[in-house]
Amino acid sequence: MLTKRYSEMTEYELRMEIASLNEKAKKAEQLGMVNEFAVLERKAVLAKAYLLNPSEIEINELYEIEGDPGVLFKVEYLNGVFAWGFRNQKDSKEEGIPISLLKKGK
């Protein structure tokens, strides 16, 4: 079976994929399959990024990272649905994270 890339999916298809991934992740978590759970959770985060508009992410702006309280991420540039930049931590290295993990800081 050929599967579509997230970038080729419609909004409806993405929402169905996210629901399916969340359901599979829930089952994996219940069965104690930690690695499988983590993979499915990351896939859902990536699929969610394709539902967002990258142009709403501001360059040189600070964002909170979903699931990483107290850590801010400064966006240097965008590449597709990934924001590239640095965390506000000592010795932070440039990294790319899906835009679905970014929350506007207060």
Protein backbone atom coordinates (compact mmCIF):
# COMPACT_ATOMS: atom_id res chain seq x y z
CA MET A 1 0.00 0.00 0.00
CA LEU A 2 1.37 3.39 -0.97
CA THR A 3 0.93 6.05 1.64
CA LYS A 4 0.84 9.75 0.96
CA ARG A 5 3.31 12.16 2.44
CA TYR A 6 1.84 14.54 4.98
CA SER A 7 2.58 17.40 2.59
CA GLU A 8 0.29 15.76 0.00
CA MET A 9 -2.64 15.15 2.35
CA THR A 10 -5.77 17.26 2.61
CA GLU A 11 -6.74 18.79 5.95
CA TYR A 12 -9.33 16.02 6.40
CA GLU A 13 -6.76 13.29 5.68
CA LEU A 14 -4.31 14.87 8.12
CA ARG A 15 -6.95 15.03 10.86
CA MET A 16 -7.84 11.36 10.26
CA GLU A 17 -4.14 10.40 10.34
CA ILE A 18 -3.62 12.30 13.61
CA ALA A 19 -6.63 10.58 15.18
CA SER A 20 -5.34 7.18 14.05
CA LEU A 21 -1.82 7.88 15.34
CA ASN A 22 -3.18 9.09 18.70
CA GLU A 23 -5.26 5.91 19.03
CA LYS A 24 -2.28 3.69 18.19
CA ALA A 25 -0.08 5.66 20.61
CA LYS A 26 -2.64 5.21 23.38
CA LYS A 27 -2.67 1.43 22.80
CA ALA A 28 1.14 1.28 22.70
CA GLU A 29 1.31 3.20 25.98
CA GLN A 30 -1.19 0.83 27.61
CA LEU A 31 0.88 -2.14 26.45
CA GLY A 32 4.07 -0.59 27.82
CA MET A 33 5.62 -0.21 24.36
CA VAL A 34 7.57 2.95 25.19
CA ASN A 35 9.54 3.21 21.94
CA GLU A 36 6.48 2.61 19.76
CA PHE A 37 4.55 5.21 21.77
CA ALA A 38 7.32 7.80 21.27
CA VAL A 39 7.48 7.18 17.51
CA LEU A 40 3.70 7.46 17.08
CA GLU A 41 3.58 10.60 19.23
CA ARG A 42 6.30 12.26 17.08
CA LYS A 43 4.47 11.32 13.88
CA ALA A 44 1.30 12.96 15.22
CA VAL A 45 3.25 16.13 16.10
CA LEU A 46 4.66 16.24 12.58
CA ALA A 47 1.24 15.69 10.99
CA LYS A 48 -0.17 18.52 13.14
CA ALA A 49 2.56 20.83 11.80
CA TYR A 50 1.09 20.43 8.31
CA LEU A 51 -2.24 21.81 9.57
CA LEU A 52 -0.52 25.07 10.54
CA ASN A 53 0.57 28.02 8.44
CA PRO A 54 4.37 28.51 8.70
CA SER A 55 4.00 32.18 7.78
CA GLU A 56 2.42 32.74 11.21
CA ILE A 57 5.75 31.88 12.87
CA GLU A 58 7.85 35.00 13.35
CA ILE A 59 11.60 35.01 12.74
CA ASN A 60 13.73 36.16 15.72
CA GLU A 61 10.75 35.62 18.02
CA LEU A 62 10.81 33.55 21.24
CA TYR A 63 8.40 30.65 21.60
CA GLU A 64 7.72 28.19 24.39
CA ILE A 65 8.22 24.55 23.43
CA GLU A 66 5.22 22.28 24.02
CA GLY A 67 6.17 19.65 26.61
CA ASP A 68 9.33 21.48 27.70
CA PRO A 69 8.18 24.04 30.31
CA GLY A 70 10.40 27.02 30.97
CA VAL A 71 12.45 26.52 27.81
CA LEU A 72 12.24 29.16 25.12
CA PHE A 73 13.16 28.69 21.48
CA LYS A 74 14.36 31.56 19.28
CA VAL A 75 13.38 31.00 15.65
CA GLU A 76 16.20 31.88 13.24
CA TYR A 77 14.55 30.64 10.04
CA LEU A 78 11.89 28.29 8.68
CA ASN A 79 12.28 25.36 6.34
CA GLY A 80 8.92 23.86 5.44
CA VAL A 81 7.06 23.05 8.66
CA PHE A 82 10.24 23.14 10.75
CA ALA A 83 11.47 26.13 12.73
CA TRP A 84 15.24 26.25 13.06
CA GLY A 85 16.92 28.05 15.91
CA PHE A 86 18.25 27.77 19.44
CA ARG A 87 16.90 26.99 22.91
CA ASN A 88 17.64 29.46 25.72
CA GLN A 89 19.95 26.97 27.39
CA LYS A 90 23.71 26.96 27.90
CA ASP A 91 25.59 25.33 25.01
CA SER A 92 22.42 25.14 22.92
CA LYS A 93 23.03 23.90 19.39
CA GLU A 94 20.96 24.83 16.35
CA GLU A 95 18.04 22.47 15.89
CA GLY A 96 14.86 22.16 13.89
CA ILE A 97 11.55 21.44 15.53
CA PRO A 98 8.07 21.06 14.04
CA ILE A 99 6.11 24.32 14.24
CA SER A 100 3.30 22.44 16.00
CA LEU A 101 5.52 22.35 19.12
CA LEU A 102 5.83 26.13 19.31
CA LYS A 103 3.62 28.21 21.60
CA LYS A 104 3.74 31.97 21.66
CA GLY A 105 5.59 33.08 24.80
CA LYS A 106 3.87 35.32 27.33
